[in-house]
């Protein structure tokens, strides 16, 4: 199965400062994104929330690290 990403900065427009990015199989990413949305952003875990996340998943290849602190 294809790995995908969910970047919270893109998923939650109201919280652009969130730094969480999840990479994995689609169902795993959706489950973790929903848990994060509930625990951190006060969302309710509903089928609609999960479908919204599913529609915003990106291929793993599109991931680009924005922080350069780990590079020499």
PDB file of N, CA and C in Angstrom:
ATOM      1  N   UNK A   1       0.838  -1.182   0.000  1.00  0.00           N
ATOM      2  CA  UNK A   1       0.000   0.000   0.000  1.00  0.00           C
ATOM      3  C   UNK A   1       0.886   1.249   0.000  1.00  0.00           C
ATOM      4  N   UNK A   2       0.386   2.318  -0.530  1.00  0.00           N
ATOM      5  CA  UNK A   2       1.109   3.571  -0.662  1.00  0.00           C
ATOM      6  C   UNK A   2       1.091   4.358   0.640  1.00  0.00           C
ATOM      7  N   UNK A   3       2.253   4.887   0.999  1.00  0.00           N
ATOM      8  CA  UNK A   3       2.324   5.744   2.179  1.00  0.00           C
ATOM      9  C   UNK A   3       1.919   7.154   1.799  1.00  0.00           C
ATOM     10  N   UNK A   4       1.286   7.844   2.762  1.00  0.00           N
ATOM     11  CA  UNK A   4       0.800   9.203   2.555  1.00  0.00           C
ATOM     12  C   UNK A   4       1.200  10.070   3.737  1.00  0.00           C
ATOM     13  N   UNK A   5       0.997  11.377   3.578  1.00  0.00           N
ATOM     14  CA  UNK A   5       1.260  12.299   4.690  1.00  0.00           C
ATOM     15  C   UNK A   5       0.025  13.120   4.992  1.00  0.00           C
ATOM     16  N   UNK A   6      -0.052  13.532   6.238  1.00  0.00           N
ATOM     17  CA  UNK A   6      -1.024  14.526   6.687  1.00  0.00           C
ATOM     18  C   UNK A   6      -0.229  15.546   7.488  1.00  0.00           C
ATOM     19  N   UNK A   7      -0.228  16.769   7.028  1.00  0.00           N
ATOM     20  CA  UNK A   7       0.480  17.856   7.694  1.00  0.00           C
ATOM     21  C   UNK A   7      -0.573  18.707   8.397  1.00  0.00           C
ATOM     22  N   UNK A   8      -0.529  18.781   9.704  1.00  0.00           N
ATOM     23  CA  UNK A   8      -1.557  19.485  10.463  1.00  0.00           C
ATOM     24  C   UNK A   8      -1.674  20.948  10.054  1.00  0.00           C
ATOM     25  N   UNK A   9      -0.582  21.535   9.618  1.00  0.00           N
ATOM     26  CA  UNK A   9      -0.647  22.936   9.171  1.00  0.00           C
ATOM     27  C   UNK A   9      -1.582  23.074   7.978  1.00  0.00           C
ATOM     28  N   UNK A  10      -1.726  22.030   7.202  1.00  0.00           N
ATOM     29  CA  UNK A  10      -2.621  22.065   6.046  1.00  0.00           C
ATOM     30  C   UNK A  10      -4.016  21.576   6.398  1.00  0.00           C
ATOM     31  N   UNK A  11      -4.103  20.670   7.378  1.00  0.00           N
ATOM     32  CA  UNK A  11      -5.393  20.089   7.741  1.00  0.00           C
ATOM     33  C   UNK A  11      -6.220  21.026   8.602  1.00  0.00           C
ATOM     34  N   UNK A  12      -5.574  21.745   9.479  1.00  0.00           N
ATOM     35  CA  UNK A  12      -6.272  22.617  10.418  1.00  0.00           C
ATOM     36  C   UNK A  12      -5.909  24.066  10.123  1.00  0.00           C
ATOM     37  N   UNK A  13      -6.677  24.703   9.279  1.00  0.00           N
ATOM     38  CA  UNK A  13      -6.373  26.078   8.881  1.00  0.00           C
ATOM     39  C   UNK A  13      -6.355  27.038  10.069  1.00  0.00           C
ATOM     40  N   UNK A  14      -7.076  26.705  11.127  1.00  0.00           N
ATOM     41  CA  UNK A  14      -7.141  27.604  12.274  1.00  0.00           C
ATOM     42  C   UNK A  14      -5.913  27.499  13.172  1.00  0.00           C
ATOM     43  N   UNK A  15      -5.049  26.518  12.947  1.00  0.00           N
ATOM     44  CA  UNK A  15      -3.878  26.340  13.800  1.00  0.00           C
ATOM     45  C   UNK A  15      -2.613  26.188  12.955  1.00  0.00           C
ATOM     46  N   UNK A  16      -2.226  27.216  12.222  1.00  0.00           N
ATOM     47  CA  UNK A  16      -1.068  27.088  11.340  1.00  0.00           C
ATOM     48  C   UNK A  16       0.249  26.878  12.071  1.00  0.00           C
ATOM     49  N   UNK A  17       0.287  27.114  13.362  1.00  0.00           N
ATOM     50  CA  UNK A  17       1.532  26.938  14.108  1.00  0.00           C
ATOM     51  C   UNK A  17       1.766  25.493  14.527  1.00  0.00           C
ATOM     52  N   UNK A  18       0.802  24.608  14.329  1.00  0.00           N
ATOM     53  CA  UNK A  18       0.968  23.206  14.720  1.00  0.00           C
ATOM     54  C   UNK A  18       2.048  22.574  13.850  1.00  0.00           C
ATOM     55  N   UNK A  19       2.913  21.788  14.458  1.00  0.00           N
ATOM     56  CA  UNK A  19       4.058  21.236  13.740  1.00  0.00           C
ATOM     57  C   UNK A  19       3.942  19.758  13.417  1.00  0.00           C
ATOM     58  N   UNK A  20       2.833  19.121  13.729  1.00  0.00           N
ATOM     59  CA  UNK A  20       2.715  17.672  13.531  1.00  0.00           C
ATOM     60  C   UNK A  20       2.549  17.314  12.066  1.00  0.00           C
ATOM     61  N   UNK A  21       3.372  16.380  11.606  1.00  0.00           N
ATOM     62  CA  UNK A  21       3.230  15.762  10.291  1.00  0.00           C
ATOM     63  C   UNK A  21       3.223  14.259  10.515  1.00  0.00           C
ATOM     64  N   UNK A  22       2.249  13.582   9.926  1.00  0.00           N
ATOM     65  CA  UNK A  22       2.073  12.140  10.100  1.00  0.00           C
ATOM     66  C   UNK A  22       2.334  11.470   8.757  1.00  0.00           C
ATOM     67  N   UNK A  23       3.151  10.424   8.751  1.00  0.00           N
ATOM     68  CA  UNK A  23       3.438   9.671   7.536  1.00  0.00           C
ATOM     69  C   UNK A  23       3.169   8.199   7.809  1.00  0.00           C
ATOM     70  N   UNK A  24       2.426   7.560   6.918  1.00  0.00           N
ATOM     71  CA  UNK A  24       2.148   6.135   7.066  1.00  0.00           C
ATOM     72  C   UNK A  24       1.104   5.677   6.066  1.00  0.00           C
ATOM     73  N   UNK A  25       0.545   4.522   6.318  1.00  0.00           N
ATOM     74  CA  UNK A  25      -0.526   3.990   5.483  1.00  0.00           C
ATOM     75  C   UNK A  25      -1.773   4.855   5.686  1.00  0.00           C
ATOM     76  N   UNK A  26      -2.609   5.030   4.660  1.00  0.00           N
ATOM     77  CA  UNK A  26      -3.752   5.937   4.769  1.00  0.00           C
ATOM     78  C   UNK A  26      -4.634   5.730   5.988  1.00  0.00           C
ATOM     79  N   UNK A  27      -5.033   4.509   6.288  1.00  0.00           N
ATOM     80  CA  UNK A  27      -5.924   4.293   7.431  1.00  0.00           C
ATOM     81  C   UNK A  27      -5.250   4.638   8.753  1.00  0.00           C
ATOM     82  N   UNK A  28      -3.943   4.346   8.857  1.00  0.00           N
ATOM     83  CA  UNK A  28      -3.203   4.694  10.073  1.00  0.00           C
ATOM     84  C   UNK A  28      -3.112   6.212  10.228  1.00  0.00           C
ATOM     85  N   UNK A  29      -2.820   6.896   9.142  1.00  0.00           N
ATOM     86  CA  UNK A  29      -2.674   8.352   9.186  1.00  0.00           C
ATOM     87  C   UNK A  29      -3.997   9.006   9.573  1.00  0.00           C
ATOM     88  N   UNK A  30      -5.099   8.529   8.998  1.00  0.00           N
ATOM     89  CA  UNK A  30      -6.416   9.088   9.326  1.00  0.00           C
ATOM     90  C   UNK A  30      -6.722   8.884  10.806  1.00  0.00           C
ATOM     91  N   UNK A  31      -6.450   7.696  11.328  1.00  0.00           N
ATOM     92  CA  UNK A  31      -6.730   7.415  12.737  1.00  0.00           C
ATOM     93  C   UNK A  31      -5.923   8.317  13.663  1.00  0.00           C
ATOM     94  N   UNK A  32      -4.640   8.475  13.376  1.00  0.00           N
ATOM     95  CA  UNK A  32      -3.785   9.315  14.218  1.00  0.00           C
ATOM     96  C   UNK A  32      -4.154  10.788  14.063  1.00  0.00           C
ATOM     97  N   UNK A  33      -4.471  11.216  12.844  1.00  0.00           N
ATOM     98  CA  UNK A  33      -4.877  12.609  12.626  1.00  0.00           C
ATOM     99  C   UNK A  33      -6.149  12.920  13.406  1.00  0.00           C
ATOM    100  N   UNK A  34      -7.090  11.990  13.423  1.00  0.00           N
ATOM    101  CA  UNK A  34      -8.335  12.195  14.166  1.00  0.00           C
ATOM    102  C   UNK A  34      -8.049  12.282  15.672  1.00  0.00           C
ATOM    103  N   UNK A  35      -7.200  11.388  16.178  1.00  0.00           N
ATOM    104  CA  UNK A  35      -6.846  11.431  17.601  1.00  0.00           C
ATOM    105  C   UNK A  35      -6.182  12.764  17.946  1.00  0.00           C
ATOM    106  N   UNK A  36      -5.296  13.219  17.096  1.00  0.00           N
ATOM    107  CA  UNK A  36      -4.605  14.491  17.316  1.00  0.00           C
ATOM    108  C   UNK A  36      -5.600  15.652  17.285  1.00  0.00           C
ATOM    109  N   UNK A  37      -6.504  15.641  16.316  1.00  0.00           N
ATOM    110  CA  UNK A  37      -7.491  16.723  16.201  1.00  0.00           C
ATOM    111  C   UNK A  37      -8.361  16.822  17.452  1.00  0.00           C
ATOM    112  N   UNK A  38      -8.697  15.677  18.029  1.00  0.00           N
ATOM    113  CA  UNK A  38      -9.511  15.653  19.247  1.00  0.00           C
ATOM    114  C   UNK A  38      -8.688  16.131  20.445  1.00  0.00           C
ATOM    115  N   UNK A  39      -7.514  15.525  20.637  1.00  0.00           N
ATOM    116  CA  UNK A  39      -6.710  15.799  21.825  1.00  0.00           C
ATOM    117  C   UNK A  39      -6.119  17.201  21.856  1.00  0.00           C
ATOM    118  N   UNK A  40      -5.699  17.707  20.709  1.00  0.00           N
ATOM    119  CA  UNK A  40      -4.963  18.969  20.681  1.00  0.00           C
ATOM    120  C   UNK A  40      -5.824  20.137  20.217  1.00  0.00           C
ATOM    121  N   UNK A  41      -6.717  19.889  19.265  1.00  0.00           N
ATOM    122  CA  UNK A  41      -7.456  20.992  18.658  1.00  0.00           C
ATOM    123  C   UNK A  41      -8.939  21.030  19.026  1.00  0.00           C
ATOM    124  N   UNK A  42      -9.375  20.126  19.918  1.00  0.00           N
ATOM    125  CA  UNK A  42     -10.738  20.178  20.423  1.00  0.00           C
ATOM    126  C   UNK A  42     -11.817  19.775  19.428  1.00  0.00           C
ATOM    127  N   UNK A  43     -11.440  19.078  18.371  1.00  0.00           N
ATOM    128  CA  UNK A  43     -12.414  18.610  17.387  1.00  0.00           C
ATOM    129  C   UNK A  43     -13.159  17.393  17.924  1.00  0.00           C
ATOM    130  N   UNK A  44     -14.248  17.032  17.273  1.00  0.00           N
ATOM    131  CA  UNK A  44     -14.962  15.797  17.577  1.00  0.00           C
ATOM    132  C   UNK A  44     -14.627  14.786  16.490  1.00  0.00           C
ATOM    133  N   UNK A  45     -14.349  13.551  16.904  1.00  0.00           N
ATOM    134  CA  UNK A  45     -14.007  12.489  15.950  1.00  0.00           C
ATOM    135  C   UNK A  45     -15.296  11.992  15.306  1.00  0.00           C
ATOM    136  N   UNK A  46     -15.567  12.467  14.118  1.00  0.00           N
ATOM    137  CA  UNK A  46     -16.774  12.092  13.385  1.00  0.00           C
ATOM    138  C   UNK A  46     -16.378  11.519  12.030  1.00  0.00           C
ATOM    139  N   UNK A  47     -17.281  10.796  11.384  1.00  0.00           N
ATOM    140  CA  UNK A  47     -16.993  10.326  10.028  1.00  0.00           C
ATOM    141  C   UNK A  47     -16.681  11.485   9.073  1.00  0.00           C
ATOM    142  N   UNK A  48     -17.335  12.616   9.266  1.00  0.00           N
ATOM    143  CA  UNK A  48     -17.094  13.772   8.413  1.00  0.00           C
ATOM    144  C   UNK A  48     -15.673  14.309   8.585  1.00  0.00           C
ATOM    145  N   UNK A  49     -15.191  14.356   9.828  1.00  0.00           N
ATOM    146  CA  UNK A  49     -13.828  14.801  10.089  1.00  0.00           C
ATOM    147  C   UNK A  49     -12.836  13.876   9.394  1.00  0.00           C
ATOM    148  N   UNK A  50     -13.036  12.583   9.530  1.00  0.00           N
ATOM    149  CA  UNK A  50     -12.120  11.621   8.913  1.00  0.00           C
ATOM    150  C   UNK A  50     -12.154  11.705   7.390  1.00  0.00           C
ATOM    151  N   UNK A  51     -13.308  11.942   6.811  1.00  0.00           N
ATOM    152  CA  UNK A  51     -13.398  12.087   5.357  1.00  0.00           C
ATOM    153  C   UNK A  51     -12.707  13.366   4.892  1.00  0.00           C
ATOM    154  N   UNK A  52     -12.818  14.410   5.687  1.00  0.00           N
ATOM    155  CA  UNK A  52     -12.125  15.661   5.351  1.00  0.00           C
ATOM    156  C   UNK A  52     -10.623  15.435   5.350  1.00  0.00           C
ATOM    157  N   UNK A  53     -10.126  14.723   6.364  1.00  0.00           N
ATOM    158  CA  UNK A  53      -8.702  14.398   6.411  1.00  0.00           C
ATOM    159  C   UNK A  53      -8.304  13.533   5.220  1.00  0.00           C
ATOM    160  N   UNK A  54      -9.105  12.521   4.912  1.00  0.00           N
ATOM    161  CA  UNK A  54      -8.782  11.618   3.803  1.00  0.00           C
ATOM    162  C   UNK A  54      -8.643  12.394   2.489  1.00  0.00           C
ATOM    163  N   UNK A  55      -9.502  13.379   2.293  1.00  0.00           N
ATOM    164  CA  UNK A  55      -9.461  14.162   1.059  1.00  0.00           C
ATOM    165  C   UNK A  55      -8.199  15.024   0.955  1.00  0.00           C
ATOM    166  N   UNK A  56      -7.561  15.315   2.095  1.00  0.00           N
ATOM    167  CA  UNK A  56      -6.387  16.181   2.104  1.00  0.00           C
ATOM    168  C   UNK A  56      -5.063  15.428   2.188  1.00  0.00           C
ATOM    169  N   UNK A  57      -5.108  14.095   2.192  1.00  0.00           N
ATOM    170  CA  UNK A  57      -3.868  13.323   2.246  1.00  0.00           C
ATOM    171  C   UNK A  57      -3.041  13.596   0.993  1.00  0.00           C
ATOM    172  N   UNK A  58      -1.729  13.575   1.180  1.00  0.00           N
ATOM    173  CA  UNK A  58      -0.802  13.805   0.080  1.00  0.00           C
ATOM    174  C   UNK A  58       0.127  12.601  -0.054  1.00  0.00           C
ATOM    175  N   UNK A  59       0.647  12.354  -1.241  1.00  0.00           N
ATOM    176  CA  UNK A  59       1.623  11.274  -1.393  1.00  0.00           C
ATOM    177  C   UNK A  59       2.858  11.546  -0.530  1.00  0.00           C
ATOM    178  N   UNK A  60       3.459  10.500  -0.023  1.00  0.00           N
ATOM    179  CA  UNK A  60       4.649  10.658   0.816  1.00  0.00           C
ATOM    180  C   UNK A  60       5.740  11.439   0.081  1.00  0.00           C
ATOM    181  N   UNK A  61       5.844  11.262  -1.211  1.00  0.00           N
ATOM    182  CA  UNK A  61       6.885  11.930  -1.995  1.00  0.00           C
ATOM    183  C   UNK A  61       6.746  13.449  -1.977  1.00  0.00           C
ATOM    184  N   UNK A  62       5.572  13.960  -1.646  1.00  0.00           N
ATOM    185  CA  UNK A  62       5.386  15.415  -1.618  1.00  0.00           C
ATOM    186  C   UNK A  62       5.882  16.049  -0.330  1.00  0.00           C
ATOM    187  N   UNK A  63       6.277  15.233   0.649  1.00  0.00           N
ATOM    188  CA  UNK A  63       6.736  15.765   1.930  1.00  0.00           C
ATOM    189  C   UNK A  63       8.068  16.470   1.757  1.00  0.00           C
ATOM    190  N   UNK A  64       8.152  17.678   2.293  1.00  0.00           N
ATOM    191  CA  UNK A  64       9.402  18.419   2.321  1.00  0.00           C
ATOM    192  C   UNK A  64       9.589  18.987   3.709  1.00  0.00           C
ATOM    193  N   UNK A  65      10.651  18.622   4.325  1.00  0.00           N
ATOM    194  CA  UNK A  65      10.979  19.132   5.648  1.00  0.00           C
ATOM    195  C   UNK A  65      11.267  20.622   5.540  1.00  0.00           C
ATOM    196  N   UNK A  66      10.621  21.412   6.374  1.00  0.00           N
ATOM    197  CA  UNK A  66      10.848  22.853   6.328  1.00  0.00           C
ATOM    198  C   UNK A  66      11.902  23.302   7.333  1.00  0.00           C
ATOM    199  N   UNK A  67      12.097  22.542   8.377  1.00  0.00           N
ATOM    200  CA  UNK A  67      13.099  22.913   9.376  1.00  0.00           C
ATOM    201  C   UNK A  67      14.472  22.415   8.923  1.00  0.00           C
ATOM    202  N   UNK A  68      15.454  23.262   9.030  1.00  0.00           N
ATOM    203  CA  UNK A  68      16.800  22.893   8.595  1.00  0.00           C
ATOM    204  C   UNK A  68      17.747  22.718   9.776  1.00  0.00           C
ATOM    205  N   UNK A  69      17.228  22.715  10.978  1.00  0.00           N
ATOM    206  CA  UNK A  69      18.083  22.664  12.161  1.00  0.00           C
ATOM    207  C   UNK A  69      18.892  21.390  12.264  1.00  0.00           C
ATOM    208  N   UNK A  70      18.453  20.312  11.627  1.00  0.00           N
ATOM    209  CA  UNK A  70      19.156  19.044  11.765  1.00  0.00           C
ATOM    210  C   UNK A  70      20.238  18.882  10.714  1.00  0.00           C
ATOM    211  N   UNK A  71      20.317  19.754   9.740  1.00  0.00           N
ATOM    212  CA  UNK A  71      21.313  19.633   8.667  1.00  0.00           C
ATOM    213  C   UNK A  71      22.601  20.318   9.096  1.00  0.00           C
ATOM    214  N   UNK A  72      23.685  19.766   8.659  1.00  0.00           N
ATOM    215  CA  UNK A  72      24.991  20.347   8.986  1.00  0.00           C
ATOM    216  C   UNK A  72      25.366  21.410   7.990  1.00  0.00           C
TER     217      UNK A  72
END
